[in-house]
Amino acid sequence: MTGERGQASIEVVGFLPLVIVIALAAFTAVAVHTADEQAGEAAEAAALALLQGGSSAREAAIAALPESTRRRASIAISAGRVHVRVRPRLPFPGLAEHLAGDARADAGPTAR
């Protein structure tokens, strides 16, 4: 009985790194998807503000982002076009820049 218990313990210890890697990959995929969705929502809000002639498209984009995401976002507005980039919150900081959510919206030729 002792040999079987020992083997099971070794199998669990050997399997644990694989479980950790799969969990990190799943977490990363969810964080990247969330950042992409947030960037899209912010870009759309800014474009709508441009179309409605609101005071600030940048403020609309910032308001569309969750407060915890605002410092990880960059917003560029030029000639009726909006570009929002949101870095996901990842345990690997260098990877966040490469996997950032990126969205563009165009307010069209009628934008002010």
N, C-alpha and C. Protein backbone atom coordinates (compact mmCIF):
# COMPACT_ATOMS: atom_id res chain seq x y z
N MET A 1 0.82 -1.19 0.00
CA MET A 1 0.00 0.00 0.00
C MET A 1 0.87 1.26 0.00
N THR A 2 2.01 1.24 0.64
CA THR A 2 2.87 2.41 0.72
C THR A 2 3.41 2.80 -0.64
N GLY A 3 3.75 1.81 -1.47
CA GLY A 3 4.28 2.09 -2.80
C GLY A 3 3.27 2.80 -3.68
N GLU A 4 2.02 2.39 -3.60
CA GLU A 4 0.98 3.04 -4.40
C GLU A 4 0.73 4.47 -3.94
N ARG A 5 0.76 4.71 -2.65
CA ARG A 5 0.57 6.06 -2.13
C ARG A 5 1.71 6.96 -2.57
N GLY A 6 2.90 6.44 -2.53
CA GLY A 6 4.06 7.23 -2.95
C GLY A 6 4.00 7.56 -4.42
N GLN A 7 3.57 6.62 -5.23
CA GLN A 7 3.47 6.86 -6.66
C GLN A 7 2.41 7.92 -6.95
N ALA A 8 1.29 7.85 -6.26
CA ALA A 8 0.23 8.84 -6.46
C ALA A 8 0.72 10.24 -6.09
N SER A 9 1.48 10.34 -5.02
CA SER A 9 2.03 11.65 -4.61
C SER A 9 2.96 12.19 -5.67
N ILE A 10 3.79 11.35 -6.23
CA ILE A 10 4.72 11.79 -7.26
C ILE A 10 3.97 12.21 -8.52
N GLU A 11 2.91 11.49 -8.86
CA GLU A 11 2.11 11.86 -10.04
C GLU A 11 1.43 13.21 -9.84
N VAL A 12 0.93 13.46 -8.65
CA VAL A 12 0.29 14.75 -8.36
C VAL A 12 1.31 15.87 -8.45
N VAL A 13 2.48 15.66 -7.87
CA VAL A 13 3.53 16.69 -7.92
C VAL A 13 3.99 16.92 -9.35
N GLY A 14 4.06 15.87 -10.14
CA GLY A 14 4.45 16.02 -11.54
C GLY A 14 3.38 16.70 -12.38
N PHE A 15 2.14 16.52 -12.04
CA PHE A 15 1.02 17.07 -12.79
C PHE A 15 0.74 18.53 -12.42
N LEU A 16 1.14 18.95 -11.23
CA LEU A 16 0.85 20.29 -10.74
C LEU A 16 1.40 21.41 -11.64
N PRO A 17 2.63 21.35 -12.13
CA PRO A 17 3.11 22.42 -13.02
C PRO A 17 2.25 22.57 -14.28
N LEU A 18 1.77 21.46 -14.81
CA LEU A 18 0.91 21.52 -15.99
C LEU A 18 -0.39 22.24 -15.66
N VAL A 19 -0.96 21.96 -14.52
CA VAL A 19 -2.20 22.63 -14.10
C VAL A 19 -1.96 24.12 -13.94
N ILE A 20 -0.83 24.49 -13.37
CA ILE A 20 -0.50 25.91 -13.18
C ILE A 20 -0.34 26.62 -14.52
N VAL A 21 0.34 25.99 -15.46
CA VAL A 21 0.54 26.59 -16.78
C VAL A 21 -0.80 26.76 -17.50
N ILE A 22 -1.67 25.78 -17.43
CA ILE A 22 -2.98 25.88 -18.06
C ILE A 22 -3.80 26.99 -17.41
N ALA A 23 -3.74 27.11 -16.09
CA ALA A 23 -4.49 28.16 -15.39
C ALA A 23 -3.97 29.55 -15.78
N LEU A 24 -2.65 29.71 -15.88
CA LEU A 24 -2.09 31.00 -16.29
C LEU A 24 -2.47 31.33 -17.72
N ALA A 25 -2.48 30.34 -18.60
CA ALA A 25 -2.87 30.58 -19.99
C ALA A 25 -4.34 31.00 -20.07
N ALA A 26 -5.19 30.35 -19.30
CA ALA A 26 -6.61 30.71 -19.29
C ALA A 26 -6.81 32.13 -18.74
N PHE A 27 -6.11 32.46 -17.66
CA PHE A 27 -6.20 33.79 -17.08
C PHE A 27 -5.73 34.84 -18.09
N THR A 28 -4.65 34.57 -18.78
CA THR A 28 -4.12 35.50 -19.77
C THR A 28 -5.11 35.70 -20.91
N ALA A 29 -5.71 34.62 -21.39
CA ALA A 29 -6.69 34.73 -22.47
C ALA A 29 -7.89 35.58 -22.05
N VAL A 30 -8.37 35.38 -20.86
CA VAL A 30 -9.52 36.17 -20.37
C VAL A 30 -9.12 37.64 -20.21
N ALA A 31 -7.95 37.91 -19.68
CA ALA A 31 -7.50 39.29 -19.48
C ALA A 31 -7.32 40.01 -20.82
N VAL A 32 -6.78 39.33 -21.81
CA VAL A 32 -6.58 39.93 -23.14
C VAL A 32 -7.93 40.21 -23.79
N HIS A 33 -8.86 39.29 -23.69
CA HIS A 33 -10.19 39.50 -24.27
C HIS A 33 -10.89 40.67 -23.58
N THR A 34 -10.78 40.76 -22.28
CA THR A 34 -11.40 41.85 -21.53
C THR A 34 -10.81 43.20 -21.95
N ALA A 35 -9.49 43.27 -22.10
CA ALA A 35 -8.85 44.52 -22.52
C ALA A 35 -9.31 44.93 -23.91
N ASP A 36 -9.47 43.96 -24.80
CA ASP A 36 -9.93 44.24 -26.15
C ASP A 36 -11.36 44.78 -26.14
N GLU A 37 -12.22 44.18 -25.33
CA GLU A 37 -13.61 44.65 -25.21
C GLU A 37 -13.66 46.06 -24.63
N GLN A 38 -12.86 46.32 -23.61
CA GLN A 38 -12.84 47.64 -22.98
C GLN A 38 -12.36 48.70 -23.96
N ALA A 39 -11.34 48.38 -24.75
CA ALA A 39 -10.84 49.32 -25.75
C ALA A 39 -11.93 49.63 -26.78
N GLY A 40 -12.65 48.61 -27.21
CA GLY A 40 -13.72 48.82 -28.18
C GLY A 40 -14.84 49.70 -27.64
N GLU A 41 -15.23 49.48 -26.40
CA GLU A 41 -16.28 50.28 -25.79
C GLU A 41 -15.85 51.74 -25.64
N ALA A 42 -14.60 51.96 -25.26
CA ALA A 42 -14.11 53.32 -25.08
C ALA A 42 -14.00 54.04 -26.42
N ALA A 43 -13.52 53.34 -27.45
CA ALA A 43 -13.41 53.96 -28.78
C ALA A 43 -14.79 54.33 -29.32
N GLU A 44 -15.75 53.45 -29.13
CA GLU A 44 -17.12 53.73 -29.58
C GLU A 44 -17.72 54.91 -28.84
N ALA A 45 -17.50 54.99 -27.54
CA ALA A 45 -18.03 56.11 -26.75
C ALA A 45 -17.42 57.44 -27.21
N ALA A 46 -16.13 57.44 -27.51
CA ALA A 46 -15.47 58.66 -27.98
C ALA A 46 -15.99 59.07 -29.35
N ALA A 47 -16.18 58.09 -30.25
CA ALA A 47 -16.70 58.41 -31.58
C ALA A 47 -18.13 58.96 -31.49
N LEU A 48 -18.94 58.39 -30.62
CA LEU A 48 -20.29 58.91 -30.44
C LEU A 48 -20.27 60.33 -29.89
N ALA A 49 -19.35 60.61 -28.99
CA ALA A 49 -19.23 61.97 -28.46
C ALA A 49 -18.82 62.94 -29.56
N LEU A 50 -17.94 62.49 -30.46
CA LEU A 50 -17.56 63.35 -31.59
C LEU A 50 -18.76 63.63 -32.49
N LEU A 51 -19.55 62.61 -32.76
CA LEU A 51 -20.72 62.77 -33.63
C LEU A 51 -21.77 63.69 -33.01
N GLN A 52 -21.91 63.63 -31.69
CA GLN A 52 -22.91 64.44 -31.01
C GLN A 52 -22.41 65.84 -30.70
N GLY A 53 -21.15 66.11 -31.03
CA GLY A 53 -20.59 67.43 -30.80
C GLY A 53 -20.37 67.71 -29.33
N GLY A 54 -20.15 66.67 -28.56
CA GLY A 54 -19.91 66.81 -27.13
C GLY A 54 -18.64 67.57 -26.83
N SER A 55 -18.48 67.93 -25.58
CA SER A 55 -17.33 68.75 -25.20
C SER A 55 -16.01 68.03 -25.36
N SER A 56 -15.96 66.76 -25.02
CA SER A 56 -14.68 66.07 -25.11
C SER A 56 -14.87 64.58 -25.38
N ALA A 57 -14.37 64.17 -26.51
CA ALA A 57 -14.41 62.75 -26.85
C ALA A 57 -13.48 61.97 -25.93
N ARG A 58 -12.36 62.58 -25.55
CA ARG A 58 -11.41 61.92 -24.65
C ARG A 58 -12.07 61.62 -23.30
N GLU A 59 -12.83 62.58 -22.79
CA GLU A 59 -13.53 62.36 -21.53
C GLU A 59 -14.56 61.26 -21.64
N ALA A 60 -15.23 61.15 -22.79
CA ALA A 60 -16.21 60.08 -23.01
C ALA A 60 -15.52 58.73 -23.02
N ALA A 61 -14.35 58.65 -23.66
CA ALA A 61 -13.61 57.39 -23.70
C ALA A 61 -13.15 56.99 -22.31
N ILE A 62 -12.66 57.95 -21.56
CA ILE A 62 -12.19 57.66 -20.19
C ILE A 62 -13.36 57.22 -19.32
N ALA A 63 -14.49 57.88 -19.47
CA ALA A 63 -15.66 57.51 -18.67
C ALA A 63 -16.17 56.11 -19.00
N ALA A 64 -15.94 55.66 -20.23
CA ALA A 64 -16.41 54.33 -20.64
C ALA A 64 -15.52 53.22 -20.08
N LEU A 65 -14.34 53.57 -19.62
CA LEU A 65 -13.42 52.57 -19.07
C LEU A 65 -13.63 52.40 -17.57
N PRO A 66 -13.49 51.18 -17.07
CA PRO A 66 -13.53 51.00 -15.61
C PRO A 66 -12.39 51.79 -14.97
N GLU A 67 -12.62 52.27 -13.78
CA GLU A 67 -11.63 53.11 -13.11
C GLU A 67 -10.27 52.43 -12.98
N SER A 68 -10.26 51.14 -12.73
CA SER A 68 -8.99 50.41 -12.56
C SER A 68 -8.24 50.25 -13.88
N THR A 69 -8.90 50.49 -14.99
CA THR A 69 -8.27 50.30 -16.30
C THR A 69 -7.73 51.61 -16.87
N ARG A 70 -8.19 52.72 -16.40
CA ARG A 70 -7.89 54.02 -17.01
C ARG A 70 -6.40 54.32 -17.09
N ARG A 71 -5.64 53.93 -16.11
CA ARG A 71 -4.20 54.25 -16.15
C ARG A 71 -3.42 53.32 -17.08
N ARG A 72 -4.06 52.24 -17.54
CA ARG A 72 -3.41 51.33 -18.48
C ARG A 72 -3.89 51.55 -19.90
N ALA A 73 -4.59 52.65 -20.13
CA ALA A 73 -5.15 52.93 -21.45
C ALA A 73 -4.49 54.15 -22.07
N SER A 74 -4.39 54.11 -23.40
CA SER A 74 -3.94 55.30 -24.14
C SER A 74 -5.01 55.61 -25.18
N ILE A 75 -5.31 56.89 -25.33
CA ILE A 75 -6.39 57.34 -26.21
C ILE A 75 -5.83 58.38 -27.15
N ALA A 76 -6.03 58.17 -28.45
CA ALA A 76 -5.58 59.13 -29.46
C ALA A 76 -6.79 59.49 -30.32
N ILE A 77 -7.00 60.80 -30.50
CA ILE A 77 -8.13 61.29 -31.29
C ILE A 77 -7.57 62.26 -32.33
N SER A 78 -7.89 61.98 -33.60
CA SER A 78 -7.38 62.82 -34.66
C SER A 78 -8.35 62.80 -35.84
N ALA A 79 -8.82 63.95 -36.25
CA ALA A 79 -9.65 64.11 -37.45
C ALA A 79 -10.84 63.15 -37.47
N GLY A 80 -11.55 63.04 -36.39
CA GLY A 80 -12.74 62.20 -36.35
C GLY A 80 -12.46 60.72 -36.16
N ARG A 81 -11.21 60.38 -35.96
CA ARG A 81 -10.84 58.98 -35.73
C ARG A 81 -10.33 58.82 -34.30
N VAL A 82 -10.73 57.70 -33.70
CA VAL A 82 -10.36 57.42 -32.31
C VAL A 82 -9.59 56.11 -32.28
N HIS A 83 -8.51 56.11 -31.53
CA HIS A 83 -7.72 54.89 -31.34
C HIS A 83 -7.51 54.71 -29.83
N VAL A 84 -7.97 53.58 -29.31
CA VAL A 84 -7.83 53.29 -27.89
C VAL A 84 -7.05 51.99 -27.74
N ARG A 85 -6.08 52.01 -26.86
CA ARG A 85 -5.25 50.84 -26.58
C ARG A 85 -5.26 50.60 -25.08
N VAL A 86 -5.62 49.39 -24.67
CA VAL A 86 -5.70 49.04 -23.25
C VAL A 86 -4.79 47.85 -22.99
N ARG A 87 -3.85 48.04 -22.08
CA ARG A 87 -2.96 46.93 -21.68
C ARG A 87 -3.68 46.08 -20.63
N PRO A 88 -3.70 44.77 -20.85
CA PRO A 88 -4.37 43.90 -19.87
C PRO A 88 -3.55 43.80 -18.59
N ARG A 89 -4.21 43.47 -17.52
CA ARG A 89 -3.53 43.26 -16.24
C ARG A 89 -3.05 41.80 -16.23
N LEU A 90 -1.75 41.63 -16.37
CA LEU A 90 -1.17 40.29 -16.43
C LEU A 90 -0.07 40.14 -15.40
N PRO A 91 0.20 38.91 -14.98
CA PRO A 91 1.30 38.70 -14.03
C PRO A 91 2.67 38.89 -14.68
N PHE A 92 2.71 39.00 -16.00
CA PHE A 92 3.97 39.20 -16.73
C PHE A 92 3.93 40.56 -17.41
N PRO A 93 4.50 41.60 -16.79
CA PRO A 93 4.37 42.97 -17.30
C PRO A 93 4.86 43.14 -18.74
N GLY A 94 5.93 42.49 -19.13
CA GLY A 94 6.44 42.64 -20.48
C GLY A 94 5.49 42.11 -21.53
N LEU A 95 4.71 41.14 -21.18
CA LEU A 95 3.77 40.53 -22.11
C LEU A 95 2.53 41.40 -22.33
N ALA A 96 2.19 42.22 -21.37
CA ALA A 96 0.98 43.04 -21.44
C ALA A 96 1.02 44.00 -22.63
N GLU A 97 2.16 44.57 -22.92
CA GLU A 97 2.27 45.52 -24.03
C GLU A 97 2.03 44.83 -25.37
N HIS A 98 2.49 43.61 -25.50
CA HIS A 98 2.33 42.87 -26.76
C HIS A 98 0.91 42.35 -26.95
N LEU A 99 0.18 42.15 -25.88
CA LEU A 99 -1.18 41.59 -25.95
C LEU A 99 -2.26 42.63 -25.66
N ALA A 100 -1.93 43.89 -25.81
CA ALA A 100 -2.88 44.96 -25.49
C ALA A 100 -4.09 44.93 -26.41
N GLY A 101 -5.24 45.29 -25.84
CA GLY A 101 -6.46 45.42 -26.63
C GLY A 101 -6.39 46.70 -27.44
N ASP A 102 -6.75 46.63 -28.69
CA ASP A 102 -6.59 47.75 -29.60
C ASP A 102 -7.90 47.94 -30.36
N ALA A 103 -8.44 49.16 -30.35
CA ALA A 103 -9.69 49.41 -31.06
C ALA A 103 -9.66 50.78 -31.72
N ARG A 104 -10.29 50.84 -32.87
CA ARG A 104 -10.40 52.09 -33.60
C ARG A 104 -11.88 52.34 -33.92
N ALA A 105 -12.24 53.60 -33.91
CA ALA A 105 -13.59 53.98 -34.30
C ALA A 105 -13.50 55.25 -35.15
N ASP A 106 -14.38 55.35 -36.11
CA ASP A 106 -14.37 56.50 -37.02
C ASP A 106 -15.72 57.21 -36.88
N ALA A 107 -15.66 58.50 -36.58
CA ALA A 107 -16.88 59.27 -36.43
C ALA A 107 -17.40 59.76 -37.78
N GLY A 108 -16.68 59.50 -38.84
CA GLY A 108 -17.13 59.86 -40.18
C GLY A 108 -16.80 61.29 -40.54
N PRO A 109 -17.16 61.68 -41.74
CA PRO A 109 -16.81 63.02 -42.22
C PRO A 109 -17.61 64.13 -41.54
N THR A 110 -18.70 63.79 -40.84
CA THR A 110 -19.51 64.83 -40.21
C THR A 110 -19.01 65.20 -38.82
N ALA A 111 -17.95 64.54 -38.35
CA ALA A 111 -17.43 64.84 -37.01
C ALA A 111 -16.84 66.23 -36.99
N ARG A 112 -16.99 66.88 -35.84
CA ARG A 112 -16.49 68.26 -35.71
C ARG A 112 -15.08 68.27 -35.21
